[in-house]
PDB file of N, CA and C in Angstrom:
ATOM      1  N   UNK A   1      -4.775   7.571  -2.941  1.00  0.00           N
ATOM      2  CA  UNK A   1      -4.349   8.310  -4.017  1.00  0.00           C
ATOM      3  C   UNK A   1      -5.011   9.585  -4.566  1.00  0.00           C
ATOM      4  N   UNK A   2      -6.720   9.037  -4.338  1.00  0.00           N
ATOM      5  CA  UNK A   2      -7.788   9.676  -4.244  1.00  0.00           C
ATOM      6  C   UNK A   2      -8.011   9.835  -6.034  1.00  0.00           C
ATOM      7  N   UNK A   3      -7.927   8.679  -6.336  1.00  0.00           N
ATOM      8  CA  UNK A   3      -8.395   8.278  -8.723  1.00  0.00           C
ATOM      9  C   UNK A   3      -9.922   7.588  -8.208  1.00  0.00           C
ATOM     10  N   UNK A   4     -10.812   8.197  -8.876  1.00  0.00           N
ATOM     11  CA  UNK A   4     -12.281   8.085  -8.932  1.00  0.00           C
ATOM     12  C   UNK A   4     -12.675   6.539  -9.037  1.00  0.00           C
ATOM     13  N   UNK A   5     -13.510   6.247  -9.257  1.00  0.00           N
ATOM     14  CA  UNK A   5     -14.006   4.568  -9.404  1.00  0.00           C
ATOM     15  C   UNK A   5     -15.246   4.510  -8.911  1.00  0.00           C
ATOM     16  N   UNK A   6     -15.391   3.669  -9.493  1.00  0.00           N
ATOM     17  CA  UNK A   6     -17.245   2.896  -9.885  1.00  0.00           C
ATOM     18  C   UNK A   6     -17.233   1.248  -9.589  1.00  0.00           C
ATOM     19  N   UNK A   7     -18.199   1.287  -8.145  1.00  0.00           N
ATOM     20  CA  UNK A   7     -18.547  -0.013  -8.419  1.00  0.00           C
ATOM     21  C   UNK A   7     -19.883   0.037  -8.596  1.00  0.00           C
ATOM     22  N   UNK A   8     -20.124  -1.511  -9.572  1.00  0.00           N
ATOM     23  CA  UNK A   8     -20.659  -2.335 -10.245  1.00  0.00           C
ATOM     24  C   UNK A   8     -21.754  -3.234 -10.055  1.00  0.00           C
ATOM     25  N   UNK A   9     -22.462  -3.610 -10.423  1.00  0.00           N
ATOM     26  CA  UNK A   9     -23.329  -4.725  -9.552  1.00  0.00           C
ATOM     27  C   UNK A   9     -23.562  -5.813 -11.072  1.00  0.00           C
ATOM     28  N   UNK A  10     -22.895  -6.917 -10.065  1.00  0.00           N
ATOM     29  CA  UNK A  10     -22.660  -8.171 -11.457  1.00  0.00           C
ATOM     30  C   UNK A  10     -23.860  -8.998 -11.185  1.00  0.00           C
ATOM     31  N   UNK A  11     -23.993 -10.314 -12.172  1.00  0.00           N
ATOM     32  CA  UNK A  11     -25.377 -11.652 -12.156  1.00  0.00           C
ATOM     33  C   UNK A  11     -23.283 -12.632 -11.642  1.00  0.00           C
ATOM     34  N   UNK A  12     -23.803 -13.361 -10.709  1.00  0.00           N
ATOM     35  CA  UNK A  12     -22.545 -14.807 -10.525  1.00  0.00           C
ATOM     36  C   UNK A  12     -22.721 -15.111 -11.972  1.00  0.00           C
ATOM     37  N   UNK A  13     -22.914 -15.089 -13.128  1.00  0.00           N
ATOM     38  CA  UNK A  13     -21.894 -15.101 -14.703  1.00  0.00           C
ATOM     39  C   UNK A  13     -22.174 -14.671 -14.856  1.00  0.00           C
ATOM     40  N   UNK A  14     -20.989 -13.503 -14.356  1.00  0.00           N
ATOM     41  CA  UNK A  14     -20.519 -12.199 -14.903  1.00  0.00           C
ATOM     42  C   UNK A  14     -21.532 -11.357 -15.771  1.00  0.00           C
ATOM     43  N   UNK A  15     -22.240 -11.049 -15.916  1.00  0.00           N
ATOM     44  CA  UNK A  15     -23.571 -10.353 -16.380  1.00  0.00           C
ATOM     45  C   UNK A  15     -24.262  -8.943 -15.693  1.00  0.00           C
ATOM     46  N   UNK A  16     -23.164  -7.600 -16.407  1.00  0.00           N
ATOM     47  CA  UNK A  16     -23.097  -6.520 -15.584  1.00  0.00           C
ATOM     48  C   UNK A  16     -24.484  -5.926 -15.488  1.00  0.00           C
ATOM     49  N   UNK A  17     -25.074  -5.214 -14.109  1.00  0.00           N
ATOM     50  CA  UNK A  17     -26.387  -4.382 -14.400  1.00  0.00           C
ATOM     51  C   UNK A  17     -26.167  -3.279 -14.623  1.00  0.00           C
ATOM     52  N   UNK A  18     -25.785  -2.847 -15.328  1.00  0.00           N
ATOM     53  CA  UNK A  18     -24.977  -1.602 -16.111  1.00  0.00           C
ATOM     54  C   UNK A  18     -26.252  -0.968 -17.074  1.00  0.00           C
ATOM     55  N   UNK A  19     -26.714   0.167 -17.609  1.00  0.00           N
ATOM     56  CA  UNK A  19     -27.271   0.622 -18.222  1.00  0.00           C
ATOM     57  C   UNK A  19     -28.266   0.225 -18.459  1.00  0.00           C
ATOM     58  N   UNK A  20     -29.251  -0.651 -19.539  1.00  0.00           N
ATOM     59  CA  UNK A  20     -30.266  -1.185 -19.601  1.00  0.00           C
ATOM     60  C   UNK A  20     -30.950  -2.278 -18.860  1.00  0.00           C
ATOM     61  N   UNK A  21     -29.617  -2.359 -18.178  1.00  0.00           N
ATOM     62  CA  UNK A  21     -29.974  -4.070 -17.241  1.00  0.00           C
ATOM     63  C   UNK A  21     -30.124  -3.039 -16.115  1.00  0.00           C
ATOM     64  N   UNK A  22     -29.487  -2.032 -15.650  1.00  0.00           N
ATOM     65  CA  UNK A  22     -29.434  -1.222 -14.308  1.00  0.00           C
ATOM     66  C   UNK A  22     -30.256  -1.408 -13.113  1.00  0.00           C
ATOM     67  N   UNK A  23     -31.772  -0.779 -13.448  1.00  0.00           N
ATOM     68  CA  UNK A  23     -33.030  -1.119 -13.139  1.00  0.00           C
ATOM     69  C   UNK A  23     -33.019  -3.024 -12.772  1.00  0.00           C
ATOM     70  N   UNK A  24     -32.871  -3.792 -13.151  1.00  0.00           N
ATOM     71  CA  UNK A  24     -33.204  -5.059 -12.764  1.00  0.00           C
ATOM     72  C   UNK A  24     -32.747  -5.738 -12.027  1.00  0.00           C
ATOM     73  N   UNK A  25     -33.763  -6.620 -10.834  1.00  0.00           N
ATOM     74  CA  UNK A  25     -32.788  -6.802  -9.841  1.00  0.00           C
ATOM     75  C   UNK A  25     -33.157  -8.714  -9.974  1.00  0.00           C
ATOM     76  N   UNK A  26     -33.071  -8.993 -11.460  1.00  0.00           N
ATOM     77  CA  UNK A  26     -32.453 -10.914 -11.950  1.00  0.00           C
ATOM     78  C   UNK A  26     -32.270 -10.301 -13.066  1.00  0.00           C
ATOM     79  N   UNK A  27     -30.926 -11.381 -13.153  1.00  0.00           N
ATOM     80  CA  UNK A  27     -30.604 -11.460 -13.800  1.00  0.00           C
ATOM     81  C   UNK A  27     -31.069 -11.353 -15.582  1.00  0.00           C
ATOM     82  N   UNK A  28     -31.494 -11.041 -16.842  1.00  0.00           N
ATOM     83  CA  UNK A  28     -31.894 -11.508 -17.462  1.00  0.00           C
ATOM     84  C   UNK A  28     -31.421 -12.651 -18.399  1.00  0.00           C
ATOM     85  N   UNK A  29     -30.448 -13.083 -18.082  1.00  0.00           N
ATOM     86  CA  UNK A  29     -29.791 -14.105 -19.046  1.00  0.00           C
ATOM     87  C   UNK A  29     -29.741 -15.635 -18.654  1.00  0.00           C
ATOM     88  N   UNK A  30     -29.699 -15.765 -16.823  1.00  0.00           N
ATOM     89  CA  UNK A  30     -29.805 -17.018 -16.340  1.00  0.00           C
ATOM     90  C   UNK A  30     -31.001 -16.695 -15.023  1.00  0.00           C
ATOM     91  N   UNK A  31     -30.827 -15.431 -15.128  1.00  0.00           N
ATOM     92  CA  UNK A  31     -32.442 -15.644 -13.676  1.00  0.00           C
ATOM     93  C   UNK A  31     -32.197 -15.329 -12.410  1.00  0.00           C
ATOM     94  N   UNK A  32     -30.490 -14.975 -12.085  1.00  0.00           N
ATOM     95  CA  UNK A  32     -30.080 -15.477 -10.482  1.00  0.00           C
ATOM     96  C   UNK A  32     -30.369 -13.817 -10.120  1.00  0.00           C
ATOM     97  N   UNK A  33     -30.971 -14.299  -8.687  1.00  0.00           N
ATOM     98  CA  UNK A  33     -31.219 -12.806  -8.129  1.00  0.00           C
ATOM     99  C   UNK A  33     -29.601 -11.731  -8.204  1.00  0.00           C
ATOM    100  N   UNK A  34     -29.577 -10.719  -8.085  1.00  0.00           N
ATOM    101  CA  UNK A  34     -29.201  -9.744  -8.422  1.00  0.00           C
ATOM    102  C   UNK A  34     -28.402  -9.583  -6.995  1.00  0.00           C
ATOM    103  N   UNK A  35     -29.409  -9.495  -5.898  1.00  0.00           N
ATOM    104  CA  UNK A  35     -28.683  -9.899  -4.397  1.00  0.00           C
ATOM    105  C   UNK A  35     -28.849 -10.697  -3.945  1.00  0.00           C
ATOM    106  N   UNK A  36     -27.789 -11.144  -2.407  1.00  0.00           N
ATOM    107  CA  UNK A  36     -27.112 -12.261  -1.343  1.00  0.00           C
ATOM    108  C   UNK A  36     -28.625 -12.554  -1.379  1.00  0.00           C
ATOM    109  N   UNK A  37     -28.550 -14.124  -0.865  1.00  0.00           N
ATOM    110  CA  UNK A  37     -29.958 -14.646   0.012  1.00  0.00           C
ATOM    111  C   UNK A  37     -29.336 -14.344   1.032  1.00  0.00           C
ATOM    112  N   UNK A  38     -30.627 -13.797   2.498  1.00  0.00           N
ATOM    113  CA  UNK A  38     -31.471 -13.968   3.375  1.00  0.00           C
ATOM    114  C   UNK A  38     -30.691 -15.374   4.234  1.00  0.00           C
ATOM    115  N   UNK A  39     -30.759 -15.123   4.821  1.00  0.00           N
ATOM    116  CA  UNK A  39     -30.410 -16.443   6.295  1.00  0.00           C
ATOM    117  C   UNK A  39     -31.424 -16.797   5.969  1.00  0.00           C
ATOM    118  N   UNK A  40     -32.853 -16.558   6.417  1.00  0.00           N
ATOM    119  CA  UNK A  40     -34.299 -17.303   6.046  1.00  0.00           C
ATOM    120  C   UNK A  40     -34.284 -17.796   4.900  1.00  0.00           C
ATOM    121  N   UNK A  41     -33.533 -17.555   3.453  1.00  0.00           N
ATOM    122  CA  UNK A  41     -33.588 -17.999   2.559  1.00  0.00           C
ATOM    123  C   UNK A  41     -34.594 -16.617   1.931  1.00  0.00           C
ATOM    124  N   UNK A  42     -35.051 -15.357   2.213  1.00  0.00           N
ATOM    125  CA  UNK A  42     -35.535 -14.788   1.124  1.00  0.00           C
ATOM    126  C   UNK A  42     -34.817 -14.316   0.031  1.00  0.00           C
ATOM    127  N   UNK A  43     -34.939 -13.537  -1.015  1.00  0.00           N
ATOM    128  CA  UNK A  43     -34.126 -13.056  -1.883  1.00  0.00           C
ATOM    129  C   UNK A  43     -34.425 -11.162  -0.774  1.00  0.00           C
ATOM    130  N   UNK A  44     -33.506 -10.465  -1.607  1.00  0.00           N
ATOM    131  CA  UNK A  44     -33.861  -9.063  -0.586  1.00  0.00           C
ATOM    132  C   UNK A  44     -33.966  -8.208  -1.049  1.00  0.00           C
ATOM    133  N   UNK A  45     -34.915  -8.642  -2.025  1.00  0.00           N
ATOM    134  CA  UNK A  45     -34.768  -7.185  -3.215  1.00  0.00           C
ATOM    135  C   UNK A  45     -35.735  -6.444  -2.751  1.00  0.00           C
ATOM    136  N   UNK A  46     -36.470  -6.345  -2.147  1.00  0.00           N
ATOM    137  CA  UNK A  46     -37.835  -5.450  -1.283  1.00  0.00           C
ATOM    138  C   UNK A  46     -36.594  -4.596  -0.187  1.00  0.00           C
ATOM    139  N   UNK A  47     -35.740  -5.381   0.429  1.00  0.00           N
ATOM    140  CA  UNK A  47     -35.212  -4.913   1.074  1.00  0.00           C
ATOM    141  C   UNK A  47     -33.755  -3.825   1.299  1.00  0.00           C
ATOM    142  N   UNK A  48     -33.154  -2.817   1.408  1.00  0.00           N
ATOM    143  CA  UNK A  48     -32.433  -2.064   1.274  1.00  0.00           C
ATOM    144  C   UNK A  48     -30.973  -2.575   1.681  1.00  0.00           C
ATOM    145  N   UNK A  49     -30.921  -2.988   3.269  1.00  0.00           N
ATOM    146  CA  UNK A  49     -29.325  -3.541   3.218  1.00  0.00           C
ATOM    147  C   UNK A  49     -29.096  -4.379   3.056  1.00  0.00           C
ATOM    148  N   UNK A  50     -29.301  -5.674   2.319  1.00  0.00           N
ATOM    149  CA  UNK A  50     -28.709  -6.813   1.332  1.00  0.00           C
ATOM    150  C   UNK A  50     -27.960  -6.351   1.034  1.00  0.00           C
ATOM    151  N   UNK A  51     -27.038  -6.818   0.610  1.00  0.00           N
ATOM    152  CA  UNK A  51     -25.764  -6.677  -0.470  1.00  0.00           C
ATOM    153  C   UNK A  51     -25.736  -6.856  -2.004  1.00  0.00           C
ATOM    154  N   UNK A  52     -24.778  -6.979  -2.579  1.00  0.00           N
ATOM    155  CA  UNK A  52     -25.354  -7.590  -4.258  1.00  0.00           C
ATOM    156  C   UNK A  52     -24.339  -8.740  -3.783  1.00  0.00           C
ATOM    157  N   UNK A  53     -24.564  -9.352  -4.420  1.00  0.00           N
ATOM    158  CA  UNK A  53     -24.029 -10.915  -5.050  1.00  0.00           C
ATOM    159  C   UNK A  53     -22.883 -10.588  -4.865  1.00  0.00           C
ATOM    160  N   UNK A  54     -22.365  -9.852  -6.378  1.00  0.00           N
ATOM    161  CA  UNK A  54     -21.115  -9.752  -6.862  1.00  0.00           C
ATOM    162  C   UNK A  54     -21.367  -8.158  -7.007  1.00  0.00           C
ATOM    163  N   UNK A  55     -19.603  -7.670  -6.807  1.00  0.00           N
ATOM    164  CA  UNK A  55     -19.558  -6.633  -6.880  1.00  0.00           C
ATOM    165  C   UNK A  55     -18.013  -6.083  -8.277  1.00  0.00           C
ATOM    166  N   UNK A  56     -18.442  -5.356  -9.113  1.00  0.00           N
ATOM    167  CA  UNK A  56     -17.059  -4.888  -9.783  1.00  0.00           C
ATOM    168  C   UNK A  56     -16.604  -3.650  -9.051  1.00  0.00           C
ATOM    169  N   UNK A  57     -15.026  -3.448  -9.285  1.00  0.00           N
ATOM    170  CA  UNK A  57     -14.887  -2.122  -9.301  1.00  0.00           C
ATOM    171  C   UNK A  57     -14.532  -2.070 -10.460  1.00  0.00           C
ATOM    172  N   UNK A  58     -14.923  -0.864 -11.304  1.00  0.00           N
ATOM    173  CA  UNK A  58     -13.842  -0.512 -12.500  1.00  0.00           C
ATOM    174  C   UNK A  58     -13.224   1.191 -12.407  1.00  0.00           C
ATOM    175  N   UNK A  59     -12.198   1.287 -13.082  1.00  0.00           N
ATOM    176  CA  UNK A  59     -11.060   1.878 -12.710  1.00  0.00           C
ATOM    177  C   UNK A  59     -10.939   2.407 -14.073  1.00  0.00           C
ATOM    178  N   UNK A  60     -11.432   3.878 -13.992  1.00  0.00           N
ATOM    179  CA  UNK A  60     -11.189   4.136 -15.670  1.00  0.00           C
ATOM    180  C   UNK A  60     -10.344   4.525 -15.641  1.00  0.00           C
ATOM    181  N   UNK A  61      -9.075   4.306 -16.709  1.00  0.00           N
ATOM    182  CA  UNK A  61      -8.087   4.801 -17.567  1.00  0.00           C
ATOM    183  C   UNK A  61      -7.727   6.135 -17.972  1.00  0.00           C
ATOM    184  N   UNK A  62      -8.090   6.661 -18.380  1.00  0.00           N
ATOM    185  CA  UNK A  62      -7.993   8.539 -17.892  1.00  0.00           C
ATOM    186  C   UNK A  62      -7.625   8.894 -17.234  1.00  0.00           C
ATOM    187  N   UNK A  63      -8.544   8.731 -15.737  1.00  0.00           N
ATOM    188  CA  UNK A  63      -7.333   9.740 -15.040  1.00  0.00           C
ATOM    189  C   UNK A  63      -6.190   9.068 -14.259  1.00  0.00           C
ATOM    190  N   UNK A  64      -6.242   7.828 -14.796  1.00  0.00           N
ATOM    191  CA  UNK A  64      -4.999   7.375 -14.337  1.00  0.00           C
ATOM    192  C   UNK A  64      -3.647   7.374 -15.349  1.00  0.00           C
ATOM    193  N   UNK A  65      -4.348   7.233 -16.043  1.00  0.00           N
ATOM    194  CA  UNK A  65      -2.808   7.927 -16.975  1.00  0.00           C
ATOM    195  C   UNK A  65      -2.439   9.271 -17.278  1.00  0.00           C
ATOM    196  N   UNK A  66      -3.823  10.663 -16.778  1.00  0.00           N
ATOM    197  CA  UNK A  66      -3.003  12.268 -16.420  1.00  0.00           C
ATOM    198  C   UNK A  66      -2.236  11.821 -15.354  1.00  0.00           C
ATOM    199  N   UNK A  67      -2.930  10.736 -13.929  1.00  0.00           N
ATOM    200  CA  UNK A  67      -2.052  11.326 -12.792  1.00  0.00           C
ATOM    201  C   UNK A  67      -0.446  10.772 -12.689  1.00  0.00           C
ATOM    202  N   UNK A  68      -0.465   9.195 -13.282  1.00  0.00           N
ATOM    203  CA  UNK A  68       0.922   8.718 -13.649  1.00  0.00           C
ATOM    204  C   UNK A  68       1.710   9.945 -14.972  1.00  0.00           C
ATOM    205  N   UNK A  69       0.925  10.851 -15.808  1.00  0.00           N
ATOM    206  CA  UNK A  69       1.541  11.826 -16.958  1.00  0.00           C
ATOM    207  C   UNK A  69       2.179  12.863 -15.928  1.00  0.00           C
ATOM    208  N   UNK A  70       1.420  13.204 -14.860  1.00  0.00           N
ATOM    209  CA  UNK A  70       1.042  14.247 -14.360  1.00  0.00           C
ATOM    210  C   UNK A  70       2.763  15.318 -14.111  1.00  0.00           C
ATOM    211  N   UNK A  71       3.712  14.443 -14.099  1.00  0.00           N
ATOM    212  CA  UNK A  71       4.976  14.565 -13.173  1.00  0.00           C
ATOM    213  C   UNK A  71       6.009  14.635 -14.666  1.00  0.00           C
ATOM    214  N   UNK A  72       6.922  15.870 -14.800  1.00  0.00           N
ATOM    215  CA  UNK A  72       7.056  15.944 -15.724  1.00  0.00           C
ATOM    216  C   UNK A  72       8.378  14.835 -15.574  1.00  0.00           C
ATOM    217  N   UNK A  73       9.472  14.160 -14.945  1.00  0.00           N
ATOM    218  CA  UNK A  73      10.870  13.432 -15.134  1.00  0.00           C
ATOM    219  C   UNK A  73       9.754  11.641 -15.463  1.00  0.00           C
ATOM    220  N   UNK A  74       8.971  11.358 -14.495  1.00  0.00           N
ATOM    221  CA  UNK A  74       8.008  10.223 -14.670  1.00  0.00           C
ATOM    222  C   UNK A  74       7.184  10.725 -16.339  1.00  0.00           C
ATOM    223  N   UNK A  75       7.185  11.284 -16.510  1.00  0.00           N
ATOM    224  CA  UNK A  75       6.540  10.882 -17.944  1.00  0.00           C
ATOM    225  C   UNK A  75       7.469  10.973 -19.397  1.00  0.00           C
ATOM    226  N   UNK A  76       8.689  11.386 -19.107  1.00  0.00           N
ATOM    227  CA  UNK A  76       9.849  11.319 -19.949  1.00  0.00           C
ATOM    228  C   UNK A  76      10.531   9.908 -19.610  1.00  0.00           C
ATOM    229  N   UNK A  77      10.832   9.242 -18.227  1.00  0.00           N
ATOM    230  CA  UNK A  77      11.686   7.971 -18.160  1.00  0.00           C
ATOM    231  C   UNK A  77       9.694   7.355 -18.418  1.00  0.00           C
ATOM    232  N   UNK A  78       8.345   7.325 -18.983  1.00  0.00           N
ATOM    233  CA  UNK A  78       7.721   6.872 -19.588  1.00  0.00           C
ATOM    234  C   UNK A  78       7.677   6.841 -20.631  1.00  0.00           C
ATOM    235  N   UNK A  79       8.247   7.478 -21.563  1.00  0.00           N
ATOM    236  CA  UNK A  79       7.972   8.055 -22.799  1.00  0.00           C
ATOM    237  C   UNK A  79       9.963   7.423 -23.418  1.00  0.00           C
ATOM    238  N   UNK A  80      10.148   6.840 -22.738  1.00  0.00           N
ATOM    239  CA  UNK A  80      12.409   6.519 -22.729  1.00  0.00           C
ATOM    240  C   UNK A  80      11.963   5.658 -24.447  1.00  0.00           C
ATOM    241  N   UNK A  81      10.873   4.573 -24.340  1.00  0.00           N
ATOM    242  CA  UNK A  81      10.800   3.911 -25.277  1.00  0.00           C
ATOM    243  C   UNK A  81      10.800   3.570 -27.309  1.00  0.00           C
ATOM    244  N   UNK A  82      10.432   5.256 -26.487  1.00  0.00           N
ATOM    245  CA  UNK A  82      10.515   5.746 -28.335  1.00  0.00           C
ATOM    246  C   UNK A  82      10.696   6.385 -28.442  1.00  0.00           C
ATOM    247  N   UNK A  83      11.574   7.866 -27.285  1.00  0.00           N
ATOM    248  CA  UNK A  83      12.947   8.732 -27.861  1.00  0.00           C
ATOM    249  C   UNK A  83      13.529   8.441 -27.696  1.00  0.00           C
ATOM    250  N   UNK A  84      13.862   8.222 -26.908  1.00  0.00           N
ATOM    251  CA  UNK A  84      15.482   7.263 -26.000  1.00  0.00           C
ATOM    252  C   UNK A  84      16.512   6.375 -26.476  1.00  0.00           C
ATOM    253  N   UNK A  85      16.254   5.652 -27.176  1.00  0.00           N
ATOM    254  CA  UNK A  85      16.706   4.120 -27.457  1.00  0.00           C
ATOM    255  C   UNK A  85      17.292   3.781 -28.809  1.00  0.00           C
ATOM    256  N   UNK A  86      18.535   3.021 -27.976  1.00  0.00           N
ATOM    257  CA  UNK A  86      19.614   3.184 -29.821  1.00  0.00           C
ATOM    258  C   UNK A  86      18.657   2.344 -30.255  1.00  0.00           C
ATOM    259  N   UNK A  87      18.741   2.395 -31.937  1.00  0.00           N
ATOM    260  CA  UNK A  87      18.428   1.904 -32.739  1.00  0.00           C
ATOM    261  C   UNK A  87      19.281   1.019 -33.673  1.00  0.00           C
ATOM    262  N   UNK A  88      19.808   0.617 -32.910  1.00  0.00           N
ATOM    263  CA  UNK A  88      21.660  -0.152 -33.807  1.00  0.00           C
ATOM    264  C   UNK A  88      20.901  -1.348 -34.168  1.00  0.00           C
ATOM    265  N   UNK A  89      20.034  -2.077 -34.070  1.00  0.00           N
ATOM    266  CA  UNK A  89      19.257  -3.846 -34.413  1.00  0.00           C
ATOM    267  C   UNK A  89      20.000  -4.142 -33.601  1.00  0.00           C
ATOM    268  N   UNK A  90      20.275  -4.181 -32.544  1.00  0.00           N
ATOM    269  CA  UNK A  90      20.251  -4.953 -31.166  1.00  0.00           C
ATOM    270  C   UNK A  90      19.607  -5.570 -30.332  1.00  0.00           C
ATOM    271  N   UNK A  91      19.832  -6.809 -29.887  1.00  0.00           N
ATOM    272  CA  UNK A  91      18.299  -6.542 -28.993  1.00  0.00           C
ATOM    273  C   UNK A  91      18.307  -6.550 -27.782  1.00  0.00           C
ATOM    274  N   UNK A  92      18.777  -5.746 -26.934  1.00  0.00           N
ATOM    275  CA  UNK A  92      19.039  -5.093 -26.181  1.00  0.00           C
ATOM    276  C   UNK A  92      17.871  -5.341 -24.299  1.00  0.00           C
ATOM    277  N   UNK A  93      16.933  -5.243 -25.204  1.00  0.00           N
ATOM    278  CA  UNK A  93      15.412  -5.291 -23.972  1.00  0.00           C
ATOM    279  C   UNK A  93      14.052  -5.636 -25.165  1.00  0.00           C
ATOM    280  N   UNK A  94      13.615  -5.949 -24.487  1.00  0.00           N
ATOM    281  CA  UNK A  94      12.166  -6.501 -25.620  1.00  0.00           C
ATOM    282  C   UNK A  94      11.597  -5.216 -26.374  1.00  0.00           C
ATOM    283  N   UNK A  95      11.491  -4.249 -25.940  1.00  0.00           N
ATOM    284  CA  UNK A  95      11.154  -3.210 -26.518  1.00  0.00           C
ATOM    285  C   UNK A  95      11.922  -2.782 -27.766  1.00  0.00           C
ATOM    286  N   UNK A  96      12.768  -3.833 -28.006  1.00  0.00           N
ATOM    287  CA  UNK A  96      13.743  -3.709 -29.515  1.00  0.00           C
ATOM    288  C   UNK A  96      13.906  -5.077 -30.684  1.00  0.00           C
ATOM    289  N   UNK A  97      12.420  -5.309 -29.600  1.00  0.00           N
ATOM    290  CA  UNK A  97      12.811  -6.832 -31.005  1.00  0.00           C
ATOM    291  C   UNK A  97      11.041  -6.203 -32.018  1.00  0.00           C
ATOM    292  N   UNK A  98      11.203  -7.263 -32.798  1.00  0.00           N
ATOM    293  CA  UNK A  98      10.477  -7.143 -33.915  1.00  0.00           C
ATOM    294  C   UNK A  98       8.725  -7.304 -33.835  1.00  0.00           C
TER     295      UNK A  98
END
């Protein structure tokens, strides 16, 4: 689909290496390394070929909304629960519930 995404390195205990933690090699909370261990047991902090221990894929929501609502017919179908629904106090689907 060509939509953008960001890969963010994450500690094994789910601390993001982002913003003020982006330059750290060790988690400030638990002390675990940001990178996987090599076979010989050393951490790969000095080696650029060592992959991160965990990676989160962040998918920004605004470009996805723009993509979904870019087709006029689909946008009208997605707005149906606000514009096209009957208000006769009968429960026809979950959107009619209080």
